[in-house]
Structure formats: structure tokens, C-alpha cells
Amino acid sequence: MRHRKCQVCGNLFELTNPNKLYCCDICKKYATNEKAKNRYIKKKNRIYMPSVIDLTLHTKSMDNIKAKEDPQYRKGILKYILADQIY
């Protein structure tokens, strides 16, 4: 059986219907809802993956300025924040 990568969470799933783009109903729901896309919760791994997070709640203002200028720096902050939220 062929597999396809889910367009939302990236998991591989068996392709029962050739038109199917998402692995589950949750992914389909979040793909069609723009606001929910930003706060999507991956069902299987329980990792919170916001595309944009309000850094002012978590870091100092200098960190925010750096984060806006440098996406790699923001990525590092997000990893730190997300690790804290998981545990």
C-alpha cells in the first residue's frame, strides 16, 4: 500500500483514498481553520507547535528585538519555551 505525508503534521499514513491529504480528522479540521493552524497540537507526539508565539510573555524585551531580527534566534527561544511547556 502507498503512503503519503500529511500536509499538516508531516506524519506518514496509508493512502486509502487518492484524494486524501491529511492523516486524521484533527489535521483536516486544523488545515481548514486559519486561526487554529497557529496553535495546532500534534496528536500523536503531544508537541505544541505554534507557528508564531508571543515572546513578550516569556522573555525580556531585548530578546524580543533579537528574535524579530533573527529567525534562528527565535527558533532557539521557542525550543526552550516548548520544552518547558511539555514537562
Protein backbone atom coordinates (compact mmCIF):
# COMPACT_ATOMS: atom_id res chain seq x y z
CA MET A 1 0.00 0.00 0.00
CA ARG A 2 1.22 3.51 -0.83
CA HIS A 3 1.95 6.11 1.82
CA ARG A 4 1.58 9.87 1.81
CA LYS A 5 2.87 12.59 4.11
CA CYS A 6 0.22 14.55 5.99
CA GLN A 7 0.13 18.20 4.87
CA VAL A 8 -0.36 19.48 8.42
CA CYS A 9 1.69 17.39 10.86
CA GLY A 10 4.03 15.56 8.47
CA ASN A 11 3.20 12.01 9.59
CA LEU A 12 3.15 9.22 7.01
CA PHE A 13 -0.19 7.46 6.57
CA GLU A 14 -1.56 4.70 4.33
CA LEU A 15 -3.25 6.07 1.25
CA THR A 16 -6.72 4.50 1.14
CA ASN A 17 -8.24 7.33 -0.89
CA PRO A 18 -6.08 9.01 -3.60
CA ASN A 19 -7.57 12.43 -2.76
CA LYS A 20 -6.73 12.21 0.93
CA LEU A 21 -4.28 14.91 2.12
CA TYR A 22 -4.47 14.59 5.92
CA CYS A 23 -3.78 11.65 8.24
CA CYS A 24 -6.77 12.23 10.55
CA ASP A 25 -9.85 14.39 11.12
CA ILE A 26 -7.98 16.61 13.58
CA CYS A 27 -5.41 17.56 10.92
CA LYS A 28 -8.17 18.20 8.40
CA LYS A 29 -10.00 20.44 10.86
CA TYR A 30 -6.90 22.50 11.63
CA ALA A 31 -5.93 22.76 7.95
CA THR A 32 -9.25 24.37 7.10
CA ASN A 33 -9.23 26.76 10.07
CA GLU A 34 -6.61 29.53 9.70
CA LYS A 35 -6.62 30.63 13.36
CA ALA A 36 -6.37 27.08 14.65
CA LYS A 37 -3.40 26.39 12.35
CA ASN A 38 -1.25 28.66 14.51
CA ARG A 39 -1.97 26.74 17.68
CA TYR A 40 -2.06 23.24 16.21
CA ILE A 41 -1.37 20.43 18.64
CA LYS A 42 0.23 17.36 17.14
CA LYS A 43 -1.98 14.47 18.17
CA LYS A 44 0.50 11.64 18.27
CA ASN A 45 3.55 13.23 19.91
CA ARG A 46 1.73 15.84 22.01
CA ILE A 47 4.14 18.59 20.97
CA TYR A 48 2.75 22.10 20.94
CA MET A 49 3.80 23.72 17.65
CA PRO A 50 2.66 27.32 17.24
CA SER A 51 3.92 28.99 14.08
CA VAL A 52 4.05 32.34 15.91
CA ILE A 53 4.19 32.79 19.67
CA ASP A 54 4.02 35.97 21.70
CA LEU A 55 7.54 36.12 23.06
CA THR A 56 6.80 39.09 25.33
CA LEU A 57 5.20 36.75 27.84
CA HIS A 58 8.33 34.65 28.18
CA THR A 59 11.43 36.73 27.50
CA LYS A 60 12.92 40.15 28.09
CA SER A 61 12.39 42.96 25.61
CA MET A 62 15.98 42.71 24.27
CA ASP A 63 15.38 39.06 23.46
CA ASN A 64 12.24 40.07 21.57
CA ILE A 65 14.14 42.58 19.47
CA LYS A 66 16.79 39.96 18.62
CA ALA A 67 14.10 37.39 17.87
CA LYS A 68 12.34 39.69 15.42
CA GLU A 69 15.60 40.36 13.58
CA ASP A 70 16.95 36.82 13.54
CA PRO A 71 14.59 33.86 12.91
CA GLN A 72 17.20 31.32 14.08
CA TYR A 73 17.36 33.06 17.45
CA ARG A 74 13.56 32.95 17.71
CA LYS A 75 13.64 29.25 16.89
CA GLY A 76 16.05 28.70 19.81
CA ILE A 77 13.78 30.59 22.20
CA LEU A 78 10.76 28.60 21.01
CA LYS A 79 12.54 25.30 21.61
CA TYR A 80 13.40 26.43 25.15
CA ILE A 81 9.81 27.57 25.83
CA LEU A 82 8.24 24.45 24.32
CA ALA A 83 10.50 22.11 26.28
CA ASP A 84 9.38 23.92 29.42
CA GLN A 85 5.68 23.56 28.47
CA ILE A 86 5.90 19.83 27.73
CA TYR A 87 7.16 18.90 31.21
